[in-house]
């Protein structure tokens, strides 16, 4: 996409201006204040999409440990805050950002990518699969069942072992949104 410039930055490298632009963009896209949620994503990596030096699209990932059934833990790039400015939607910017996220996490040797979709159909056309099995959060007290309406999608990477999307899937507990 020739009219979109992509930058990849770890949270620690974001300038105050970068952070402010991300918050403004995501607030417009989600129509809510995302700053408290953004602050829960420690050690995130951001993919920033610029159109003529204006931030118009964004996604980030954090590292999580997902477990499918009784299989070993999978080092997972968990994607969050996929957002495109409402004035710049339907131009392929979010698609470009997500494809770049997939490329980056593949290059960094992750076992899997995952996310909780707002629109499963959007992600399915980019190769993401809806997890069909039960979802759990791992706590000190044991497994906490996720609400029935919780959705998680995965993107298989080169290092992804054979997985059946009907198996139970769990993630570690975290502050903020559990999935």
Protein backbone atom coordinates (compact mmCIF):
# COMPACT_ATOMS: atom_id res chain seq x y z
CA UNK A 1 0.00 0.00 0.00
CA UNK A 2 1.91 3.01 -1.27
CA UNK A 3 0.03 5.71 0.64
CA UNK A 4 0.55 4.09 4.07
CA UNK A 5 3.86 4.21 5.94
CA UNK A 6 4.29 1.62 8.70
CA UNK A 7 6.42 1.95 11.83
CA UNK A 8 7.01 -0.71 14.47
CA UNK A 9 7.86 0.58 17.94
CA UNK A 10 8.05 -1.04 21.37
CA UNK A 11 6.11 0.87 24.03
CA UNK A 12 9.35 1.96 25.69
CA UNK A 13 10.36 3.78 22.48
CA UNK A 14 7.11 5.71 22.02
CA UNK A 15 7.47 9.45 22.40
CA UNK A 16 4.91 11.43 24.36
CA UNK A 17 3.56 12.64 21.00
CA UNK A 18 3.33 9.05 19.66
CA UNK A 19 1.38 7.96 22.76
CA UNK A 20 -0.96 10.94 22.49
CA UNK A 21 -1.63 10.18 18.81
CA UNK A 22 -2.37 6.52 19.58
CA UNK A 23 -4.79 7.48 22.33
CA UNK A 24 -6.53 10.06 20.14
CA UNK A 25 -6.85 7.60 17.24
CA UNK A 26 -8.13 4.73 19.41
CA UNK A 27 -10.55 7.00 21.30
CA UNK A 28 -12.04 8.12 17.96
CA UNK A 29 -12.19 4.56 16.62
CA UNK A 30 -13.67 2.98 19.75
CA UNK A 31 -15.71 6.02 20.85
CA UNK A 32 -14.45 5.61 24.42
CA UNK A 33 -11.41 6.47 26.52
CA UNK A 34 -8.90 3.69 25.94
CA UNK A 35 -6.04 5.23 27.92
CA UNK A 36 -6.67 3.11 31.07
CA UNK A 37 -6.72 -0.05 28.94
CA UNK A 38 -3.62 0.99 27.00
CA UNK A 39 -1.75 1.43 30.28
CA UNK A 40 -2.33 -2.27 31.13
CA UNK A 41 -0.36 -3.40 28.07
CA UNK A 42 3.13 -3.54 29.51
CA UNK A 43 5.92 -4.28 27.02
CA UNK A 44 3.66 -3.95 24.00
CA UNK A 45 4.88 -3.57 20.44
CA UNK A 46 2.94 -1.14 18.27
CA UNK A 47 2.43 -1.08 14.52
CA UNK A 48 1.59 2.44 13.46
CA UNK A 49 0.13 3.26 10.04
CA UNK A 50 0.63 6.81 8.75
CA UNK A 51 -1.06 8.45 5.78
CA UNK A 52 0.83 11.63 4.89
CA UNK A 53 2.36 11.78 8.40
CA UNK A 54 -1.05 11.43 10.09
CA UNK A 55 -1.55 8.36 12.27
CA UNK A 56 -4.61 6.65 10.77
CA UNK A 57 -4.28 2.99 11.80
CA UNK A 58 -2.82 1.09 14.74
CA UNK A 59 -2.46 -2.33 16.34
CA UNK A 60 -0.30 -3.65 19.13
CA UNK A 61 0.66 -7.01 20.50
CA UNK A 62 1.72 -8.24 23.90
CA UNK A 63 3.29 -11.58 24.71
CA UNK A 64 0.99 -14.05 26.42
CA UNK A 65 1.18 -17.76 27.21
CA UNK A 66 -1.79 -19.62 25.71
CA UNK A 67 -2.37 -23.31 26.28
CA UNK A 68 -4.50 -25.51 24.05
CA UNK A 69 -5.77 -28.53 25.98
CA UNK A 70 -2.89 -30.14 27.86
CA UNK A 71 -0.30 -29.16 25.24
CA UNK A 72 2.76 -27.08 26.19
CA UNK A 73 2.34 -23.32 26.58
CA UNK A 74 2.51 -21.36 23.34
CA UNK A 75 4.41 -18.06 23.21
CA UNK A 76 1.62 -15.99 21.71
CA UNK A 77 1.53 -12.53 20.18
CA UNK A 78 -1.81 -11.32 21.50
CA UNK A 79 -3.11 -8.50 19.30
CA UNK A 80 -4.97 -5.57 20.82
CA UNK A 81 -6.36 -2.15 19.91
CA UNK A 82 -6.72 -2.66 16.19
CA UNK A 83 -8.06 0.73 15.18
CA UNK A 84 -8.45 2.91 12.11
CA UNK A 85 -9.58 6.50 12.19
CA UNK A 86 -13.25 6.59 11.13
CA UNK A 87 -12.42 9.08 8.34
CA UNK A 88 -9.90 6.63 6.85
CA UNK A 89 -11.76 3.33 7.00
CA UNK A 90 -12.38 1.05 4.02
CA UNK A 91 -9.04 1.91 2.43
CA UNK A 92 -7.20 -1.27 3.46
CA UNK A 93 -5.18 0.36 6.23
CA UNK A 94 -6.18 -2.04 9.02
CA UNK A 95 -5.53 -4.95 6.65
CA UNK A 96 -2.04 -3.60 5.92
CA UNK A 97 -1.33 -3.09 9.63
CA UNK A 98 -2.52 -6.61 10.52
CA UNK A 99 -0.50 -8.20 7.73
CA UNK A 100 2.53 -6.35 9.05
CA UNK A 101 1.80 -7.57 12.59
CA UNK A 102 1.66 -11.14 11.23
CA UNK A 103 4.98 -10.66 9.44
CA UNK A 104 6.66 -9.17 12.52
CA UNK A 105 5.50 -11.85 14.97
CA UNK A 106 6.48 -14.57 12.49
CA UNK A 107 9.96 -13.02 12.21
CA UNK A 108 10.24 -12.81 16.00
CA UNK A 109 9.59 -16.53 16.36
CA UNK A 110 6.23 -16.54 18.11
CA UNK A 111 4.37 -19.86 18.26
CA UNK A 112 0.96 -18.33 17.62
CA UNK A 113 -0.94 -15.06 17.22
CA UNK A 114 -4.34 -14.52 18.84
CA UNK A 115 -6.91 -11.83 19.47
CA UNK A 116 -10.44 -11.21 20.67
CA UNK A 117 -12.30 -9.90 17.61
CA UNK A 118 -14.90 -7.20 17.33
CA UNK A 119 -15.78 -8.62 13.90
CA UNK A 120 -14.77 -12.22 13.22
CA UNK A 121 -15.57 -11.89 9.50
CA UNK A 122 -12.93 -9.16 9.04
CA UNK A 123 -10.20 -11.30 10.56
CA UNK A 124 -11.30 -14.55 8.87
CA UNK A 125 -10.59 -13.09 5.46
CA UNK A 126 -7.03 -12.43 6.67
CA UNK A 127 -6.50 -16.06 7.69
CA UNK A 128 -7.52 -15.92 11.36
CA UNK A 129 -9.57 -18.84 12.73
CA UNK A 130 -12.28 -18.67 15.36
CA UNK A 131 -11.51 -20.84 18.39
CA UNK A 132 -14.52 -23.14 18.89
CA UNK A 133 -13.55 -24.85 22.16
CA UNK A 134 -14.18 -23.57 25.66
CA UNK A 135 -12.11 -20.60 26.85
CA UNK A 136 -10.54 -20.25 30.28
CA UNK A 137 -8.35 -17.87 32.24
CA UNK A 138 -5.69 -19.43 34.45
CA UNK A 139 -5.66 -18.06 38.01
CA UNK A 140 -3.87 -19.09 41.21
CA UNK A 141 -7.10 -20.83 42.24
CA UNK A 142 -7.46 -22.74 38.97
CA UNK A 143 -9.27 -22.26 35.67
CA UNK A 144 -11.91 -19.55 35.41
CA UNK A 145 -14.44 -20.19 32.61
CA UNK A 146 -14.86 -17.28 30.23
CA UNK A 147 -18.35 -15.96 29.49
CA UNK A 148 -20.09 -17.81 26.64
CA UNK A 149 -20.03 -14.72 24.39
CA UNK A 150 -16.22 -14.39 24.57
CA UNK A 151 -14.53 -14.99 21.22
CA UNK A 152 -10.88 -15.65 20.48
CA UNK A 153 -9.27 -16.08 17.08
CA UNK A 154 -5.88 -17.52 16.24
CA UNK A 155 -3.46 -17.05 13.40
CA UNK A 156 -1.26 -20.07 12.78
CA UNK A 157 2.41 -19.28 12.25
CA UNK A 158 5.32 -21.41 11.05
CA UNK A 159 6.05 -22.55 14.62
CA UNK A 160 2.41 -23.32 15.47
CA UNK A 161 2.08 -26.99 16.42
CA UNK A 162 -0.96 -28.99 15.31
CA UNK A 163 -3.98 -27.53 17.14
CA UNK A 164 -7.63 -28.49 17.14
CA UNK A 165 -9.77 -25.36 17.57
CA UNK A 166 -12.29 -27.47 19.51
CA UNK A 167 -9.84 -28.06 22.38
CA UNK A 168 -10.06 -25.97 25.54
CA UNK A 169 -7.89 -22.83 25.36
CA UNK A 170 -6.55 -20.92 28.33
CA UNK A 171 -4.57 -17.74 28.92
CA UNK A 172 -2.97 -16.37 32.05
CA UNK A 173 -4.94 -13.89 34.15
CA UNK A 174 -4.05 -10.24 33.56
CA UNK A 175 -5.28 -6.85 34.67
CA UNK A 176 -7.78 -5.14 32.37
CA UNK A 177 -9.53 -7.22 29.75
CA UNK A 178 -8.89 -10.91 30.39
CA UNK A 179 -9.06 -11.82 26.71
